Amino acid sequence: MVSGNLVLIADGKETKLPPGSFFALTGKEPHAARCEGAEDCVMFVDARGPWDVVPEKAAARKSRQAGSF
């Protein structure tokens, strides 16, 4: 985190990430995040290799189209 206070939710656990902290996720790991406080959250992303962002609603729609729920 460059600035702001991010809360990362993964595996049902909330982790607070203040400036100077970092996190890593594996491919397709479901997660959510929110910015807490009055300051905007600014983060640096280092992605080595191809990656994508799949919004939750789009992921659910793709699962239904594929026949899995």
N, C-alpha and C. Protein backbone atom coordinates (compact mmCIF):
# COMPACT_ATOMS: atom_id res chain seq x y z
N MET A 1 0.84 -1.17 0.00
CA MET A 1 0.00 0.00 0.00
C MET A 1 0.89 1.24 0.00
N VAL A 2 0.53 2.16 -0.86
CA VAL A 2 1.25 3.42 -0.93
C VAL A 2 0.65 4.39 0.08
N SER A 3 -0.68 4.50 0.07
CA SER A 3 -1.37 5.37 1.03
C SER A 3 -2.79 4.86 1.24
N GLY A 4 -3.41 5.29 2.30
CA GLY A 4 -4.76 4.85 2.64
C GLY A 4 -4.73 3.56 3.43
N ASN A 5 -5.89 3.12 3.84
CA ASN A 5 -6.02 1.89 4.63
C ASN A 5 -6.98 0.94 3.93
N LEU A 6 -6.43 -0.12 3.38
CA LEU A 6 -7.21 -1.10 2.64
C LEU A 6 -7.56 -2.27 3.57
N VAL A 7 -8.76 -2.78 3.43
CA VAL A 7 -9.15 -4.01 4.13
C VAL A 7 -9.35 -5.07 3.06
N LEU A 8 -8.59 -6.15 3.14
CA LEU A 8 -8.65 -7.26 2.20
C LEU A 8 -9.44 -8.39 2.85
N ILE A 9 -10.43 -8.92 2.14
CA ILE A 9 -11.22 -10.03 2.64
C ILE A 9 -10.94 -11.24 1.75
N ALA A 10 -10.38 -12.28 2.34
CA ALA A 10 -10.07 -13.53 1.62
C ALA A 10 -10.25 -14.69 2.60
N ASP A 11 -10.83 -15.77 2.14
CA ASP A 11 -11.08 -16.95 2.99
C ASP A 11 -11.90 -16.58 4.23
N GLY A 12 -12.79 -15.59 4.11
CA GLY A 12 -13.63 -15.18 5.23
C GLY A 12 -12.92 -14.37 6.29
N LYS A 13 -11.68 -14.01 6.04
CA LYS A 13 -10.87 -13.26 7.02
C LYS A 13 -10.59 -11.86 6.50
N GLU A 14 -10.76 -10.86 7.36
CA GLU A 14 -10.43 -9.48 7.01
C GLU A 14 -9.03 -9.14 7.50
N THR A 15 -8.22 -8.59 6.63
CA THR A 15 -6.87 -8.18 6.97
C THR A 15 -6.72 -6.71 6.66
N LYS A 16 -6.33 -5.91 7.65
CA LYS A 16 -6.13 -4.48 7.45
C LYS A 16 -4.72 -4.24 6.93
N LEU A 17 -4.65 -3.45 5.85
CA LEU A 17 -3.37 -3.19 5.20
C LEU A 17 -3.09 -1.69 5.20
N PRO A 18 -2.29 -1.20 6.13
CA PRO A 18 -1.93 0.21 6.17
C PRO A 18 -0.82 0.51 5.16
N PRO A 19 -0.48 1.78 4.96
CA PRO A 19 0.62 2.13 4.06
C PRO A 19 1.89 1.36 4.42
N GLY A 20 2.58 0.89 3.39
CA GLY A 20 3.82 0.13 3.58
C GLY A 20 3.60 -1.37 3.62
N SER A 21 2.36 -1.83 3.71
CA SER A 21 2.09 -3.26 3.76
C SER A 21 1.89 -3.81 2.35
N PHE A 22 1.83 -5.14 2.25
CA PHE A 22 1.66 -5.78 0.94
C PHE A 22 0.90 -7.08 1.11
N PHE A 23 0.42 -7.63 0.00
CA PHE A 23 -0.23 -8.93 0.02
C PHE A 23 -0.01 -9.59 -1.32
N ALA A 24 -0.24 -10.90 -1.36
CA ALA A 24 -0.12 -11.67 -2.60
C ALA A 24 -1.29 -12.62 -2.67
N LEU A 25 -1.81 -12.81 -3.86
CA LEU A 25 -2.92 -13.74 -4.09
C LEU A 25 -2.54 -14.71 -5.20
N THR A 26 -3.08 -15.92 -5.10
CA THR A 26 -2.87 -16.88 -6.17
C THR A 26 -3.95 -16.68 -7.23
N GLY A 27 -3.76 -17.24 -8.39
CA GLY A 27 -4.70 -17.07 -9.48
C GLY A 27 -6.12 -17.49 -9.13
N LYS A 28 -7.06 -16.66 -9.48
CA LYS A 28 -8.50 -16.89 -9.32
C LYS A 28 -8.93 -17.07 -7.86
N GLU A 29 -8.15 -16.60 -6.91
CA GLU A 29 -8.54 -16.67 -5.51
C GLU A 29 -9.63 -15.64 -5.24
N PRO A 30 -10.82 -16.08 -4.82
CA PRO A 30 -11.89 -15.12 -4.55
C PRO A 30 -11.50 -14.18 -3.41
N HIS A 31 -11.74 -12.92 -3.60
CA HIS A 31 -11.41 -11.94 -2.58
C HIS A 31 -12.19 -10.66 -2.83
N ALA A 32 -12.21 -9.81 -1.84
CA ALA A 32 -12.83 -8.49 -1.94
C ALA A 32 -11.95 -7.52 -1.16
N ALA A 33 -12.14 -6.24 -1.43
CA ALA A 33 -11.36 -5.23 -0.72
C ALA A 33 -12.20 -3.96 -0.58
N ARG A 34 -11.89 -3.21 0.46
CA ARG A 34 -12.53 -1.91 0.64
C ARG A 34 -11.52 -0.97 1.25
N CYS A 35 -11.73 0.30 0.98
CA CYS A 35 -10.88 1.35 1.52
C CYS A 35 -11.57 1.91 2.75
N GLU A 36 -10.87 1.99 3.88
CA GLU A 36 -11.44 2.53 5.11
C GLU A 36 -10.82 3.89 5.41
N GLY A 37 -11.62 4.76 5.98
CA GLY A 37 -11.13 6.07 6.37
C GLY A 37 -11.37 7.10 5.30
N ALA A 38 -10.94 8.32 5.59
CA ALA A 38 -11.18 9.45 4.69
C ALA A 38 -10.19 9.53 3.54
N GLU A 39 -9.04 8.91 3.69
CA GLU A 39 -7.99 8.99 2.66
C GLU A 39 -8.23 7.95 1.56
N ASP A 40 -8.02 8.36 0.31
CA ASP A 40 -8.10 7.41 -0.81
C ASP A 40 -7.03 6.34 -0.66
N CYS A 41 -7.32 5.14 -1.15
CA CYS A 41 -6.35 4.05 -1.15
C CYS A 41 -5.59 4.07 -2.47
N VAL A 42 -4.29 4.05 -2.37
CA VAL A 42 -3.41 3.99 -3.54
C VAL A 42 -2.49 2.79 -3.32
N MET A 43 -2.47 1.89 -4.32
CA MET A 43 -1.60 0.73 -4.20
C MET A 43 -0.79 0.53 -5.48
N PHE A 44 0.32 -0.11 -5.33
CA PHE A 44 1.19 -0.48 -6.43
C PHE A 44 0.95 -1.95 -6.72
N VAL A 45 0.68 -2.30 -7.96
CA VAL A 45 0.43 -3.69 -8.34
C VAL A 45 1.59 -4.19 -9.19
N ASP A 46 2.18 -5.30 -8.78
CA ASP A 46 3.25 -5.95 -9.54
C ASP A 46 2.71 -7.30 -9.99
N ALA A 47 2.41 -7.43 -11.27
CA ALA A 47 1.88 -8.67 -11.81
C ALA A 47 2.87 -9.22 -12.82
N ARG A 48 3.44 -10.34 -12.50
CA ARG A 48 4.41 -10.96 -13.40
C ARG A 48 3.71 -12.04 -14.19
N GLY A 49 3.57 -11.80 -15.47
CA GLY A 49 2.85 -12.72 -16.32
C GLY A 49 1.43 -12.21 -16.55
N PRO A 50 0.67 -12.91 -17.37
CA PRO A 50 -0.69 -12.45 -17.69
C PRO A 50 -1.60 -12.54 -16.46
N TRP A 51 -2.52 -11.59 -16.38
CA TRP A 51 -3.51 -11.61 -15.31
C TRP A 51 -4.75 -10.87 -15.77
N ASP A 52 -5.83 -11.06 -15.02
CA ASP A 52 -7.10 -10.48 -15.40
C ASP A 52 -7.89 -10.15 -14.13
N VAL A 53 -8.84 -9.25 -14.27
CA VAL A 53 -9.75 -8.91 -13.19
C VAL A 53 -11.14 -9.37 -13.62
N VAL A 54 -11.77 -10.20 -12.80
CA VAL A 54 -13.11 -10.70 -13.10
C VAL A 54 -14.05 -10.21 -12.00
N PRO A 55 -14.88 -9.21 -12.30
CA PRO A 55 -15.83 -8.73 -11.29
C PRO A 55 -16.76 -9.85 -10.83
N GLU A 56 -17.20 -9.78 -9.59
CA GLU A 56 -18.01 -10.84 -9.00
C GLU A 56 -19.25 -11.17 -9.83
N LYS A 57 -20.01 -10.19 -10.28
CA LYS A 57 -21.22 -10.45 -11.04
C LYS A 57 -20.90 -11.16 -12.36
N ALA A 58 -19.84 -10.78 -13.01
CA ALA A 58 -19.46 -11.42 -14.27
C ALA A 58 -19.03 -12.86 -14.02
N ALA A 59 -18.33 -13.12 -12.94
CA ALA A 59 -17.90 -14.48 -12.61
C ALA A 59 -19.10 -15.37 -12.35
N ALA A 60 -20.10 -14.87 -11.61
CA ALA A 60 -21.30 -15.65 -11.33
C ALA A 60 -22.07 -15.94 -12.62
N ARG A 61 -22.15 -14.96 -13.51
CA ARG A 61 -22.86 -15.14 -14.77
C ARG A 61 -22.17 -16.22 -15.61
N LYS A 62 -20.84 -16.21 -15.65
CA LYS A 62 -20.10 -17.21 -16.42
C LYS A 62 -20.33 -18.60 -15.84
N SER A 63 -20.39 -18.72 -14.51
CA SER A 63 -20.64 -20.01 -13.88
C SER A 63 -22.01 -20.54 -14.25
N ARG A 64 -23.03 -19.67 -14.25
CA ARG A 64 -24.38 -20.10 -14.61
C ARG A 64 -24.43 -20.54 -16.07
N GLN A 65 -23.73 -19.80 -16.94
CA GLN A 65 -23.73 -20.15 -18.36
C GLN A 65 -23.06 -21.50 -18.60
N ALA A 66 -22.07 -21.81 -17.77
CA ALA A 66 -21.36 -23.07 -17.91
C ALA A 66 -22.13 -24.22 -17.26
N GLY A 67 -23.21 -23.90 -16.53
CA GLY A 67 -24.03 -24.93 -15.92
C GLY A 67 -23.62 -25.31 -14.52
N SER A 68 -22.67 -24.59 -13.91
CA SER A 68 -22.29 -24.88 -12.53
C SER A 68 -22.74 -23.73 -11.64
N PHE A 69 -23.12 -24.05 -10.43
CA PHE A 69 -23.59 -23.02 -9.50
C PHE A 69 -22.77 -23.08 -8.27
